[in-house]
Amino acid sequence: MSDNALPDDAASDREEPKVRQRMKPGQRREQILQTLAGMLEQPGTERITTALLAAKLEVSEAALYRHFASKAQMFEGLIDFIEHSLFGLINQIAEREGDGAHKAARMVTVLLQFGEKNPGMTRVMVGDALVFENERLHQRMNQLFERIESALRQVLRAAAEANQSASPTADAQVRAAALLAFALGQLQRFARSGFKRSPMDHLDASLALMCR
């Protein structure tokens, strides 16, 4: 080693400060949504403000607004993800050949599995995260569940017809409403338990009663 070589700690003092890498277009937007979802996963989390979100990301609030016009738009980004994820699976189930009652059970199962894997999204779905937020967010979630109920009705009507029901449409409406109410109840319990009570608890037995 040369006599004039610097000790390691002295050399480190001369290192240039690390420069934060610039993210590609869309990456910062995705990071914001992932961070928001992560914050919602903390049990007992109070209302998340843009100030709290910006602090978590170590950016300014102005930086958030370069990617989203409002906090409501951030939540809409989460709802877009929920819709895309769920209906991608639900549509696949509906298109398969097979018994309609089994399809309905699978639709409820994927809804609850999604909620269990994404606790923060569950709080959005059941409305806990949307308290005091823009009313259109609640409307979008209502529309999402209406679409799920419609998908359930469609496959259950086919099942009722196959079983030669005298009133297949009415039967499908009642069963679809009961299944959706059950699923929402499971998600609500999951969220309110601080994510300790799995929405999958007793699922097979419950679906066997409702989808037989």
N, C-alpha and C. Protein backbone atom coordinates (compact mmCIF):
# COMPACT_ATOMS: atom_id res chain seq x y z
N MET A 1 0.85 -1.19 0.00
CA MET A 1 0.00 0.00 0.00
C MET A 1 0.88 1.24 0.00
N SER A 2 0.56 2.23 -0.77
CA SER A 2 1.32 3.47 -0.86
C SER A 2 1.25 4.22 0.46
N ASP A 3 2.34 4.96 0.79
CA ASP A 3 2.37 5.71 2.03
C ASP A 3 1.30 6.79 2.08
N ASN A 4 0.92 7.31 0.89
CA ASN A 4 -0.06 8.40 0.90
C ASN A 4 -1.49 7.92 0.63
N ALA A 5 -1.72 6.59 0.77
CA ALA A 5 -3.07 6.06 0.60
C ALA A 5 -3.94 6.52 1.76
N LEU A 6 -5.19 6.88 1.46
CA LEU A 6 -6.11 7.35 2.50
C LEU A 6 -6.72 6.17 3.24
N PRO A 7 -6.93 6.29 4.56
CA PRO A 7 -7.68 5.27 5.29
C PRO A 7 -9.09 5.19 4.72
N ASP A 8 -9.75 4.05 4.96
CA ASP A 8 -11.08 3.84 4.39
C ASP A 8 -12.07 4.92 4.80
N ASP A 9 -12.01 5.32 6.11
CA ASP A 9 -13.01 6.30 6.57
C ASP A 9 -12.75 7.67 5.95
N ALA A 10 -11.49 8.00 5.71
CA ALA A 10 -11.19 9.28 5.07
C ALA A 10 -11.63 9.27 3.62
N ALA A 11 -11.42 8.13 2.96
CA ALA A 11 -11.82 8.02 1.56
C ALA A 11 -13.32 8.16 1.42
N SER A 12 -14.05 7.58 2.41
CA SER A 12 -15.51 7.63 2.32
C SER A 12 -16.02 9.05 2.48
N ASP A 13 -15.23 9.87 3.26
CA ASP A 13 -15.63 11.27 3.43
C ASP A 13 -15.57 12.02 2.12
N ARG A 14 -14.72 11.55 1.20
CA ARG A 14 -14.57 12.25 -0.08
C ARG A 14 -15.51 11.74 -1.16
N GLU A 15 -16.28 10.68 -0.83
CA GLU A 15 -17.21 10.16 -1.83
C GLU A 15 -18.28 11.19 -2.12
N GLU A 16 -18.69 11.25 -3.36
CA GLU A 16 -19.75 12.18 -3.74
C GLU A 16 -21.07 11.69 -3.17
N PRO A 17 -21.95 12.59 -2.76
CA PRO A 17 -23.25 12.17 -2.23
C PRO A 17 -24.04 11.44 -3.31
N LYS A 18 -24.81 10.42 -2.84
CA LYS A 18 -25.60 9.63 -3.79
C LYS A 18 -26.71 10.49 -4.39
N VAL A 19 -26.88 10.35 -5.66
CA VAL A 19 -27.92 11.10 -6.37
C VAL A 19 -29.11 10.17 -6.57
N ARG A 20 -30.29 10.63 -6.17
CA ARG A 20 -31.49 9.82 -6.33
C ARG A 20 -31.78 9.58 -7.81
N GLN A 21 -31.94 8.34 -8.17
CA GLN A 21 -32.19 8.01 -9.58
C GLN A 21 -33.53 8.55 -10.02
N ARG A 22 -33.55 9.08 -11.22
CA ARG A 22 -34.81 9.56 -11.79
C ARG A 22 -35.62 8.36 -12.24
N MET A 23 -36.89 8.37 -11.89
CA MET A 23 -37.75 7.26 -12.27
C MET A 23 -38.26 7.45 -13.69
N LYS A 24 -38.52 6.33 -14.34
CA LYS A 24 -39.09 6.38 -15.67
C LYS A 24 -40.53 6.85 -15.58
N PRO A 25 -41.08 7.38 -16.70
CA PRO A 25 -42.48 7.82 -16.69
C PRO A 25 -43.39 6.69 -16.21
N GLY A 26 -44.25 6.99 -15.26
CA GLY A 26 -45.18 5.99 -14.75
C GLY A 26 -44.69 5.30 -13.49
N GLN A 27 -43.38 5.25 -13.29
CA GLN A 27 -42.85 4.57 -12.11
C GLN A 27 -43.19 5.31 -10.82
N ARG A 28 -43.06 6.63 -10.83
CA ARG A 28 -43.39 7.40 -9.64
C ARG A 28 -44.87 7.28 -9.32
N ARG A 29 -45.70 7.31 -10.34
CA ARG A 29 -47.15 7.16 -10.14
C ARG A 29 -47.45 5.80 -9.48
N GLU A 30 -46.82 4.76 -9.98
CA GLU A 30 -47.03 3.42 -9.41
C GLU A 30 -46.52 3.36 -7.98
N GLN A 31 -45.38 4.02 -7.72
CA GLN A 31 -44.82 4.03 -6.36
C GLN A 31 -45.78 4.72 -5.39
N ILE A 32 -46.39 5.80 -5.84
CA ILE A 32 -47.34 6.53 -4.99
C ILE A 32 -48.52 5.62 -4.61
N LEU A 33 -49.06 4.91 -5.61
CA LEU A 33 -50.20 4.03 -5.35
C LEU A 33 -49.81 2.87 -4.45
N GLN A 34 -48.63 2.30 -4.67
CA GLN A 34 -48.18 1.19 -3.83
C GLN A 34 -47.97 1.65 -2.39
N THR A 35 -47.44 2.84 -2.22
CA THR A 35 -47.21 3.37 -0.87
C THR A 35 -48.54 3.66 -0.18
N LEU A 36 -49.48 4.23 -0.91
CA LEU A 36 -50.81 4.50 -0.34
C LEU A 36 -51.47 3.19 0.10
N ALA A 37 -51.41 2.17 -0.75
CA ALA A 37 -51.99 0.87 -0.41
C ALA A 37 -51.29 0.28 0.82
N GLY A 38 -49.97 0.43 0.89
CA GLY A 38 -49.22 -0.07 2.03
C GLY A 38 -49.61 0.62 3.32
N MET A 39 -49.83 1.93 3.26
CA MET A 39 -50.23 2.68 4.45
C MET A 39 -51.62 2.24 4.92
N LEU A 40 -52.48 1.88 3.99
CA LEU A 40 -53.83 1.42 4.34
C LEU A 40 -53.81 0.05 5.00
N GLU A 41 -52.71 -0.67 4.85
CA GLU A 41 -52.62 -2.01 5.44
C GLU A 41 -52.32 -1.98 6.94
N GLN A 42 -52.00 -0.81 7.46
CA GLN A 42 -51.69 -0.70 8.88
C GLN A 42 -52.99 -0.63 9.68
N PRO A 43 -53.27 -1.63 10.53
CA PRO A 43 -54.51 -1.62 11.32
C PRO A 43 -54.64 -0.35 12.14
N GLY A 44 -55.84 0.20 12.15
CA GLY A 44 -56.08 1.39 12.95
C GLY A 44 -55.59 2.67 12.33
N THR A 45 -55.19 2.60 11.05
CA THR A 45 -54.69 3.81 10.39
C THR A 45 -55.78 4.87 10.31
N GLU A 46 -55.44 6.10 10.72
CA GLU A 46 -56.39 7.19 10.59
C GLU A 46 -56.41 7.68 9.14
N ARG A 47 -57.20 8.68 8.89
CA ARG A 47 -57.32 9.20 7.53
C ARG A 47 -55.94 9.60 7.00
N ILE A 48 -55.63 9.12 5.81
CA ILE A 48 -54.33 9.40 5.20
C ILE A 48 -54.42 10.71 4.43
N THR A 49 -53.58 11.66 4.80
CA THR A 49 -53.53 12.94 4.11
C THR A 49 -52.40 12.93 3.10
N THR A 50 -52.44 13.88 2.18
CA THR A 50 -51.36 13.98 1.20
C THR A 50 -50.04 14.33 1.89
N ALA A 51 -50.13 15.04 3.01
CA ALA A 51 -48.91 15.39 3.77
C ALA A 51 -48.25 14.13 4.33
N LEU A 52 -49.07 13.22 4.89
CA LEU A 52 -48.54 11.97 5.42
C LEU A 52 -47.96 11.10 4.31
N LEU A 53 -48.67 11.05 3.19
CA LEU A 53 -48.21 10.24 2.06
C LEU A 53 -46.90 10.79 1.50
N ALA A 54 -46.82 12.11 1.37
CA ALA A 54 -45.60 12.74 0.86
C ALA A 54 -44.43 12.48 1.79
N ALA A 55 -44.69 12.55 3.11
CA ALA A 55 -43.63 12.29 4.08
C ALA A 55 -43.14 10.85 3.99
N LYS A 56 -44.06 9.94 3.78
CA LYS A 56 -43.70 8.52 3.66
C LYS A 56 -42.81 8.30 2.44
N LEU A 57 -43.10 9.01 1.37
CA LEU A 57 -42.35 8.89 0.12
C LEU A 57 -41.09 9.76 0.11
N GLU A 58 -40.98 10.65 1.11
CA GLU A 58 -39.87 11.59 1.20
C GLU A 58 -39.83 12.51 -0.02
N VAL A 59 -41.01 13.00 -0.39
CA VAL A 59 -41.13 13.99 -1.46
C VAL A 59 -42.05 15.10 -0.97
N SER A 60 -42.17 16.14 -1.75
CA SER A 60 -43.07 17.23 -1.38
C SER A 60 -44.50 16.88 -1.84
N GLU A 61 -45.48 17.57 -1.24
CA GLU A 61 -46.85 17.38 -1.69
C GLU A 61 -47.00 17.81 -3.14
N ALA A 62 -46.25 18.83 -3.52
CA ALA A 62 -46.31 19.30 -4.91
C ALA A 62 -45.88 18.20 -5.87
N ALA A 63 -44.94 17.35 -5.44
CA ALA A 63 -44.47 16.24 -6.28
C ALA A 63 -45.60 15.24 -6.52
N LEU A 64 -46.44 15.05 -5.50
CA LEU A 64 -47.59 14.14 -5.67
C LEU A 64 -48.55 14.68 -6.73
N TYR A 65 -48.77 15.99 -6.67
CA TYR A 65 -49.75 16.59 -7.56
C TYR A 65 -49.25 16.72 -9.00
N ARG A 66 -47.99 16.41 -9.21
CA ARG A 66 -47.50 16.35 -10.60
C ARG A 66 -47.97 15.06 -11.27
N HIS A 67 -48.38 14.08 -10.46
CA HIS A 67 -48.81 12.79 -10.99
C HIS A 67 -50.31 12.55 -10.82
N PHE A 68 -50.90 13.18 -9.81
CA PHE A 68 -52.33 13.04 -9.56
C PHE A 68 -52.92 14.42 -9.27
N ALA A 69 -54.05 14.70 -9.87
CA ALA A 69 -54.66 16.02 -9.67
C ALA A 69 -55.21 16.19 -8.26
N SER A 70 -55.52 15.09 -7.59
CA SER A 70 -56.09 15.15 -6.25
C SER A 70 -55.89 13.82 -5.54
N LYS A 71 -56.16 13.80 -4.24
CA LYS A 71 -56.08 12.54 -3.51
C LYS A 71 -57.17 11.58 -4.00
N ALA A 72 -58.32 12.14 -4.36
CA ALA A 72 -59.40 11.29 -4.89
C ALA A 72 -58.92 10.53 -6.12
N GLN A 73 -58.11 11.17 -6.94
CA GLN A 73 -57.60 10.50 -8.13
C GLN A 73 -56.64 9.38 -7.77
N MET A 74 -55.93 9.53 -6.65
CA MET A 74 -55.06 8.45 -6.19
C MET A 74 -55.90 7.23 -5.80
N PHE A 75 -56.99 7.48 -5.07
CA PHE A 75 -57.86 6.38 -4.69
C PHE A 75 -58.51 5.75 -5.92
N GLU A 76 -58.81 6.57 -6.92
CA GLU A 76 -59.36 6.01 -8.15
C GLU A 76 -58.35 5.09 -8.83
N GLY A 77 -57.07 5.40 -8.69
CA GLY A 77 -56.04 4.52 -9.22
C GLY A 77 -56.07 3.16 -8.54
N LEU A 78 -56.32 3.15 -7.22
CA LEU A 78 -56.45 1.89 -6.49
C LEU A 78 -57.70 1.13 -6.93
N ILE A 79 -58.79 1.85 -7.13
CA ILE A 79 -60.03 1.20 -7.57
C ILE A 79 -59.86 0.62 -8.97
N ASP A 80 -59.13 1.33 -9.83
CA ASP A 80 -58.84 0.79 -11.17
C ASP A 80 -58.12 -0.55 -11.06
N PHE A 81 -57.16 -0.62 -10.14
CA PHE A 81 -56.41 -1.87 -9.94
C PHE A 81 -57.33 -2.98 -9.45
N ILE A 82 -58.22 -2.65 -8.50
CA ILE A 82 -59.16 -3.63 -7.98
C ILE A 82 -60.06 -4.16 -9.10
N GLU A 83 -60.61 -3.24 -9.90
CA GLU A 83 -61.50 -3.64 -10.99
C GLU A 83 -60.78 -4.54 -11.99
N HIS A 84 -59.61 -4.11 -12.40
CA HIS A 84 -58.85 -4.86 -13.40
C HIS A 84 -58.52 -6.26 -12.89
N SER A 85 -58.08 -6.34 -11.64
CA SER A 85 -57.68 -7.62 -11.07
C SER A 85 -58.87 -8.56 -10.93
N LEU A 86 -59.97 -8.06 -10.35
CA LEU A 86 -61.11 -8.92 -10.08
C LEU A 86 -61.84 -9.35 -11.35
N PHE A 87 -62.10 -8.40 -12.24
CA PHE A 87 -62.90 -8.77 -13.41
C PHE A 87 -62.11 -9.55 -14.44
N GLY A 88 -60.80 -9.44 -14.40
CA GLY A 88 -60.00 -10.32 -15.23
C GLY A 88 -60.25 -11.77 -14.86
N LEU A 89 -60.35 -12.05 -13.55
CA LEU A 89 -60.60 -13.41 -13.05
C LEU A 89 -62.07 -13.80 -13.20
N ILE A 90 -62.97 -12.89 -12.83
CA ILE A 90 -64.40 -13.20 -12.88
C ILE A 90 -64.86 -13.49 -14.31
N ASN A 91 -64.36 -12.73 -15.27
CA ASN A 91 -64.74 -12.97 -16.66
C ASN A 91 -64.22 -14.32 -17.16
N GLN A 92 -63.02 -14.70 -16.71
CA GLN A 92 -62.48 -16.01 -17.08
C GLN A 92 -63.36 -17.13 -16.53
N ILE A 93 -63.80 -16.97 -15.30
CA ILE A 93 -64.66 -17.98 -14.67
C ILE A 93 -65.98 -18.09 -15.42
N ALA A 94 -66.57 -16.94 -15.75
CA ALA A 94 -67.88 -16.92 -16.43
C ALA A 94 -67.81 -17.59 -17.80
N GLU A 95 -66.67 -17.47 -18.47
CA GLU A 95 -66.55 -18.00 -19.83
C GLU A 95 -66.28 -19.50 -19.87
N ARG A 96 -65.90 -20.07 -18.75
CA ARG A 96 -65.62 -21.51 -18.73
C ARG A 96 -66.91 -22.31 -18.82
N GLU A 97 -66.78 -23.51 -19.36
CA GLU A 97 -67.92 -24.42 -19.35
C GLU A 97 -68.05 -25.01 -17.96
N GLY A 98 -69.28 -25.37 -17.61
CA GLY A 98 -69.45 -26.00 -16.30
C GLY A 98 -70.68 -25.50 -15.58
N ASP A 99 -70.87 -26.02 -14.39
CA ASP A 99 -72.03 -25.72 -13.57
C ASP A 99 -72.01 -24.26 -13.10
N GLY A 100 -73.17 -23.59 -13.23
CA GLY A 100 -73.26 -22.19 -12.85
C GLY A 100 -73.06 -21.95 -11.37
N ALA A 101 -73.55 -22.85 -10.54
CA ALA A 101 -73.38 -22.70 -9.09
C ALA A 101 -71.91 -22.79 -8.70
N HIS A 102 -71.19 -23.69 -9.37
CA HIS A 102 -69.75 -23.81 -9.10
C HIS A 102 -69.03 -22.54 -9.54
N LYS A 103 -69.44 -21.96 -10.66
CA LYS A 103 -68.83 -20.71 -11.12
C LYS A 103 -69.07 -19.58 -10.11
N ALA A 104 -70.29 -19.51 -9.58
CA ALA A 104 -70.60 -18.47 -8.60
C ALA A 104 -69.72 -18.63 -7.36
N ALA A 105 -69.55 -19.87 -6.92
CA ALA A 105 -68.69 -20.13 -5.76
C ALA A 105 -67.26 -19.70 -6.03
N ARG A 106 -66.78 -19.96 -7.25
CA ARG A 106 -65.41 -19.57 -7.60
C ARG A 106 -65.28 -18.04 -7.64
N MET A 107 -66.31 -17.34 -8.11
CA MET A 107 -66.27 -15.88 -8.16
C MET A 107 -66.16 -15.30 -6.75
N VAL A 108 -66.94 -15.83 -5.83
CA VAL A 108 -66.87 -15.36 -4.44
C VAL A 108 -65.50 -15.68 -3.85
N THR A 109 -64.98 -16.85 -4.18
CA THR A 109 -63.67 -17.25 -3.66
C THR A 109 -62.57 -16.31 -4.12
N VAL A 110 -62.55 -15.96 -5.41
CA VAL A 110 -61.47 -15.08 -5.90
C VAL A 110 -61.61 -13.68 -5.32
N LEU A 111 -62.84 -13.24 -5.05
CA LEU A 111 -63.05 -11.94 -4.42
C LEU A 111 -62.44 -11.93 -3.02
N LEU A 112 -62.71 -12.98 -2.25
CA LEU A 112 -62.19 -13.04 -0.89
C LEU A 112 -60.68 -13.30 -0.86
N GLN A 113 -60.19 -14.08 -1.80
CA GLN A 113 -58.74 -14.30 -1.89
C GLN A 113 -58.02 -13.00 -2.20
N PHE A 114 -58.59 -12.22 -3.10
CA PHE A 114 -58.00 -10.92 -3.44
C PHE A 114 -57.95 -10.03 -2.21
N GLY A 115 -59.06 -10.00 -1.45
CA GLY A 115 -59.09 -9.18 -0.25
C GLY A 115 -58.06 -9.60 0.78
N GLU A 116 -57.90 -10.91 0.96
CA GLU A 116 -56.94 -11.41 1.94
C GLU A 116 -55.50 -11.07 1.53
N LYS A 117 -55.21 -11.14 0.24
CA LYS A 117 -53.85 -10.85 -0.23
C LYS A 117 -53.56 -9.35 -0.29
N ASN A 118 -54.60 -8.54 -0.30
CA ASN A 118 -54.44 -7.08 -0.44
C ASN A 118 -55.24 -6.36 0.65
N PRO A 119 -54.79 -6.41 1.90
CA PRO A 119 -55.56 -5.81 3.00
C PRO A 119 -55.88 -4.34 2.79
N GLY A 120 -54.93 -3.59 2.25
CA GLY A 120 -55.20 -2.17 2.00
C GLY A 120 -56.33 -1.97 1.03
N MET A 121 -56.40 -2.81 0.00
CA MET A 121 -57.48 -2.74 -0.99
C MET A 121 -58.81 -3.14 -0.35
N THR A 122 -58.76 -4.05 0.62
CA THR A 122 -59.98 -4.44 1.32
C THR A 122 -60.61 -3.24 2.01
N ARG A 123 -59.78 -2.41 2.62
CA ARG A 123 -60.31 -1.21 3.29
C ARG A 123 -60.95 -0.25 2.31
N VAL A 124 -60.45 -0.23 1.08
CA VAL A 124 -61.08 0.58 0.04
C VAL A 124 -62.41 -0.06 -0.36
N MET A 125 -62.42 -1.37 -0.56
CA MET A 125 -63.63 -2.06 -1.02
C MET A 125 -64.79 -1.93 -0.03
N VAL A 126 -64.49 -2.05 1.27
CA VAL A 126 -65.57 -1.98 2.25
C VAL A 126 -65.89 -0.54 2.65
N GLY A 127 -65.13 0.42 2.15
CA GLY A 127 -65.43 1.83 2.38
C GLY A 127 -64.73 2.45 3.57
N ASP A 128 -64.04 1.66 4.40
CA ASP A 128 -63.37 2.23 5.57
C ASP A 128 -62.38 3.32 5.19
N ALA A 129 -61.65 3.10 4.11
CA ALA A 129 -60.62 4.05 3.68
C ALA A 129 -61.21 5.26 2.96
N LEU A 130 -62.50 5.19 2.64
CA LEU A 130 -63.11 6.25 1.84
C LEU A 130 -63.97 7.21 2.66
N VAL A 131 -64.00 6.99 3.99
CA VAL A 131 -64.76 7.89 4.85
C VAL A 131 -64.20 9.30 4.72
N PHE A 132 -65.07 10.26 4.52
CA PHE A 132 -64.72 11.67 4.34
C PHE A 132 -64.04 11.97 3.00
N GLU A 133 -63.96 10.95 2.13
CA GLU A 133 -63.38 11.19 0.80
C GLU A 133 -64.49 11.54 -0.19
N ASN A 134 -64.10 11.81 -1.42
CA ASN A 134 -65.06 12.25 -2.45
C ASN A 134 -66.15 11.21 -2.65
N GLU A 135 -67.38 11.68 -2.79
CA GLU A 135 -68.54 10.78 -2.93
C GLU A 135 -68.43 9.90 -4.16
N ARG A 136 -67.77 10.38 -5.20
CA ARG A 136 -67.69 9.56 -6.42
C ARG A 136 -66.90 8.27 -6.20
N LEU A 137 -66.03 8.27 -5.19
CA LEU A 137 -65.28 7.05 -4.87
C LEU A 137 -66.22 5.99 -4.32
N HIS A 138 -67.14 6.40 -3.46
CA HIS A 138 -68.14 5.47 -2.93
C HIS A 138 -69.02 4.95 -4.06
N GLN A 139 -69.38 5.83 -4.97
CA GLN A 139 -70.22 5.42 -6.11
C GLN A 139 -69.50 4.40 -6.98
N ARG A 140 -68.21 4.59 -7.18
CA ARG A 140 -67.45 3.64 -8.00
C ARG A 140 -67.38 2.27 -7.34
N MET A 141 -67.21 2.25 -6.02
CA MET A 141 -67.18 0.97 -5.32
C MET A 141 -68.55 0.31 -5.37
N ASN A 142 -69.62 1.10 -5.24
CA ASN A 142 -70.96 0.54 -5.36
C ASN A 142 -71.17 -0.08 -6.74
N GLN A 143 -70.70 0.62 -7.75
CA GLN A 143 -70.84 0.11 -9.13
C GLN A 143 -70.04 -1.17 -9.32
N LEU A 144 -68.87 -1.25 -8.70
CA LEU A 144 -68.05 -2.45 -8.82
C LEU A 144 -68.79 -3.66 -8.25
N PHE A 145 -69.40 -3.49 -7.08
CA PHE A 145 -70.12 -4.61 -6.47
C PHE A 145 -71.41 -4.92 -7.22
N GLU A 146 -72.00 -3.93 -7.84
CA GLU A 146 -73.17 -4.19 -8.68
C GLU A 146 -72.78 -5.05 -9.87
N ARG A 147 -71.61 -4.79 -10.42
CA ARG A 147 -71.13 -5.60 -11.54
C ARG A 147 -70.84 -7.04 -11.10
N ILE A 148 -70.28 -7.19 -9.91
CA ILE A 148 -70.03 -8.54 -9.40
C ILE A 148 -71.35 -9.28 -9.19
N GLU A 149 -72.33 -8.58 -8.61
CA GLU A 149 -73.64 -9.21 -8.40
C GLU A 149 -74.28 -9.59 -9.72
N SER A 150 -74.12 -8.74 -10.73
CA SER A 150 -74.65 -9.05 -12.05
C SER A 150 -74.01 -10.31 -12.63
N ALA A 151 -72.69 -10.44 -12.46
CA ALA A 151 -71.98 -11.63 -12.95
C ALA A 151 -72.47 -12.88 -12.22
N LEU A 152 -72.72 -12.74 -10.92
CA LEU A 152 -73.24 -13.87 -10.15
C LEU A 152 -74.64 -14.25 -10.63
N ARG A 153 -75.48 -13.25 -10.86
CA ARG A 153 -76.85 -13.53 -11.34
C ARG A 153 -76.83 -14.29 -12.65
N GLN A 154 -75.93 -13.88 -13.53
CA GLN A 154 -75.88 -14.49 -14.86
C GLN A 154 -75.58 -15.98 -14.78
N VAL A 155 -74.55 -16.35 -14.00
CA VAL A 155 -74.20 -17.77 -13.93
C VAL A 155 -75.21 -18.55 -13.10
N LEU A 156 -75.80 -17.91 -12.09
CA LEU A 156 -76.79 -18.60 -11.26
C LEU A 156 -78.11 -18.78 -11.99
N ARG A 157 -78.43 -17.89 -12.91
CA ARG A 157 -79.64 -18.08 -13.71
C ARG A 157 -79.49 -19.30 -14.60
N ALA A 158 -78.28 -19.45 -15.17
CA ALA A 158 -78.02 -20.63 -16.00
C ALA A 158 -78.14 -21.90 -15.16
N ALA A 159 -77.68 -21.84 -13.91
CA ALA A 159 -77.77 -22.99 -13.02
C ALA A 159 -79.23 -23.30 -12.70
N ALA A 160 -80.02 -22.25 -12.45
CA ALA A 160 -81.44 -22.44 -12.13
C ALA A 160 -82.19 -23.05 -13.32
N GLU A 161 -81.85 -22.58 -14.51
CA GLU A 161 -82.49 -23.14 -15.71
C GLU A 161 -82.11 -24.60 -15.90
N ALA A 162 -80.85 -24.92 -15.65
CA ALA A 162 -80.40 -26.30 -15.78
C ALA A 162 -81.12 -27.22 -14.79
N ASN A 163 -81.50 -26.64 -13.63
CA ASN A 163 -82.22 -27.40 -12.61
C ASN A 163 -83.73 -27.31 -12.79
N GLN A 164 -84.15 -26.72 -13.93
CA GLN A 164 -85.56 -26.60 -14.30
C GLN A 164 -86.37 -25.84 -13.24
N SER A 165 -85.79 -24.75 -12.75
CA SER A 165 -86.50 -23.90 -11.80
C SER A 165 -87.69 -23.24 -12.48
N ALA A 166 -88.78 -23.07 -11.73
CA ALA A 166 -89.98 -22.41 -12.27
C ALA A 166 -89.77 -20.91 -12.40
N SER A 167 -88.83 -20.37 -11.66
CA SER A 167 -88.55 -18.93 -11.70
C SER A 167 -87.04 -18.70 -11.65
N PRO A 168 -86.33 -19.03 -12.71
CA PRO A 168 -84.87 -18.95 -12.70
C PRO A 168 -84.32 -17.54 -12.45
N THR A 169 -84.98 -16.52 -13.01
CA THR A 169 -84.49 -15.15 -12.82
C THR A 169 -84.59 -14.72 -11.37
N ALA A 170 -85.74 -14.98 -10.76
CA ALA A 170 -85.94 -14.60 -9.36
C ALA A 170 -85.00 -15.39 -8.44
N ASP A 171 -84.86 -16.68 -8.73
CA ASP A 171 -83.96 -17.51 -7.92
C ASP A 171 -82.53 -16.98 -7.98
N ALA A 172 -82.09 -16.62 -9.20
CA ALA A 172 -80.73 -16.13 -9.39
C ALA A 172 -80.52 -14.81 -8.66
N GLN A 173 -81.53 -13.93 -8.68
CA GLN A 173 -81.41 -12.64 -8.01
C GLN A 173 -81.23 -12.81 -6.50
N VAL A 174 -82.03 -13.69 -5.92
CA VAL A 174 -81.96 -13.91 -4.48
C VAL A 174 -80.61 -14.51 -4.08
N ARG A 175 -80.18 -15.52 -4.81
CA ARG A 175 -78.94 -16.20 -4.47
C ARG A 175 -77.72 -15.30 -4.70
N ALA A 176 -77.75 -14.52 -5.78
CA ALA A 176 -76.63 -13.60 -6.04
C ALA A 176 -76.53 -12.55 -4.95
N ALA A 177 -77.69 -12.01 -4.52
CA ALA A 177 -77.69 -11.00 -3.45
C ALA A 177 -77.16 -11.59 -2.15
N ALA A 178 -77.55 -12.83 -1.85
CA ALA A 178 -77.09 -13.48 -0.61
C ALA A 178 -75.59 -13.74 -0.64
N LEU A 179 -75.09 -14.18 -1.79
CA LEU A 179 -73.65 -14.45 -1.92
C LEU A 179 -72.83 -13.17 -1.78
N LEU A 180 -73.30 -12.11 -2.41
CA LEU A 180 -72.55 -10.85 -2.33
C LEU A 180 -72.58 -10.31 -0.91
N ALA A 181 -73.73 -10.39 -0.24
CA ALA A 181 -73.83 -9.93 1.14
C ALA A 181 -72.88 -10.73 2.04
N PHE A 182 -72.80 -12.02 1.80
CA PHE A 182 -71.87 -12.86 2.56
C PHE A 182 -70.43 -12.41 2.34
N ALA A 183 -70.05 -12.20 1.07
CA ALA A 183 -68.68 -11.81 0.74
C ALA A 183 -68.34 -10.46 1.38
N LEU A 184 -69.26 -9.51 1.30
CA LEU A 184 -69.01 -8.20 1.91
C LEU A 184 -68.87 -8.31 3.42
N GLY A 185 -69.68 -9.17 4.02
CA GLY A 185 -69.58 -9.38 5.46
C GLY A 185 -68.23 -9.95 5.86
N GLN A 186 -67.73 -10.91 5.07
CA GLN A 186 -66.42 -11.49 5.35
C GLN A 186 -65.31 -10.45 5.23
N LEU A 187 -65.41 -9.59 4.22
CA LEU A 187 -64.40 -8.55 4.03
C LEU A 187 -64.46 -7.51 5.14
N GLN A 188 -65.69 -7.15 5.55
CA GLN A 188 -65.85 -6.20 6.65
C GLN A 188 -65.23 -6.75 7.93
N ARG A 189 -65.50 -8.00 8.24
CA ARG A 189 -64.95 -8.62 9.45
C ARG A 189 -63.43 -8.65 9.41
N PHE A 190 -62.89 -8.95 8.22
CA PHE A 190 -61.44 -8.98 8.03
C PHE A 190 -60.83 -7.62 8.34
N ALA A 191 -61.42 -6.57 7.79
CA ALA A 191 -60.89 -5.22 8.00
C ALA A 191 -61.03 -4.78 9.45
N ARG A 192 -62.19 -5.04 10.05
CA ARG A 192 -62.46 -4.56 11.40
C ARG A 192 -61.72 -5.35 12.48
N SER A 193 -61.25 -6.53 12.12
CA SER A 193 -60.45 -7.32 13.07
C SER A 193 -58.97 -6.94 13.02
N GLY A 194 -58.66 -5.91 12.24
CA GLY A 194 -57.25 -5.56 12.06
C GLY A 194 -56.54 -6.59 11.21
N PHE A 195 -57.29 -7.22 10.30
CA PHE A 195 -56.79 -8.23 9.36
C PHE A 195 -56.39 -9.53 10.06
N LYS A 196 -57.00 -9.80 11.22
CA LYS A 196 -56.70 -11.03 11.94
C LYS A 196 -57.68 -12.15 11.59
N ARG A 197 -58.93 -11.80 11.28
CA ARG A 197 -59.94 -12.79 10.95
C ARG A 197 -59.98 -12.97 9.44
N SER A 198 -59.48 -14.09 8.97
CA SER A 198 -59.39 -14.31 7.52
C SER A 198 -60.77 -14.34 6.87
N PRO A 199 -60.92 -13.69 5.71
CA PRO A 199 -62.20 -13.76 5.00
C PRO A 199 -62.47 -15.15 4.44
N MET A 200 -61.47 -16.00 4.47
CA MET A 200 -61.61 -17.37 3.95
C MET A 200 -62.10 -18.35 5.02
N ASP A 201 -62.30 -17.88 6.25
CA ASP A 201 -62.76 -18.76 7.33
C ASP A 201 -64.08 -19.44 6.97
N HIS A 202 -64.11 -20.77 7.09
CA HIS A 202 -65.32 -21.57 6.85
C HIS A 202 -65.92 -21.33 5.46
N LEU A 203 -65.08 -20.95 4.52
CA LEU A 203 -65.61 -20.58 3.20
C LEU A 203 -66.25 -21.77 2.49
N ASP A 204 -65.57 -22.89 2.44
CA ASP A 204 -66.11 -24.04 1.71
C ASP A 204 -67.46 -24.47 2.27
N ALA A 205 -67.56 -24.53 3.59
CA ALA A 205 -68.82 -24.93 4.21
C ALA A 205 -69.92 -23.92 3.93
N SER A 206 -69.59 -22.64 3.97
CA SER A 206 -70.58 -21.60 3.72
C SER A 206 -71.08 -21.65 2.28
N LEU A 207 -70.14 -21.80 1.34
CA LEU A 207 -70.53 -21.84 -0.07
C LEU A 207 -71.32 -23.10 -0.38
N ALA A 208 -71.00 -24.18 0.30
CA ALA A 208 -71.76 -25.43 0.08
C ALA A 208 -73.22 -25.24 0.44
N LEU A 209 -73.50 -24.42 1.47
CA LEU A 209 -74.88 -24.15 1.87
C LEU A 209 -75.58 -23.23 0.88
N MET A 210 -74.86 -22.23 0.39
CA MET A 210 -75.49 -21.21 -0.45
C MET A 210 -75.52 -21.56 -1.94
N CYS A 211 -74.64 -22.43 -2.36
CA CYS A 211 -74.53 -22.73 -3.80
C CYS A 211 -75.01 -24.13 -4.17
N ARG A 212 -75.66 -24.80 -3.27
CA ARG A 212 -76.07 -26.17 -3.59
C ARG A 212 -77.32 -26.16 -4.45
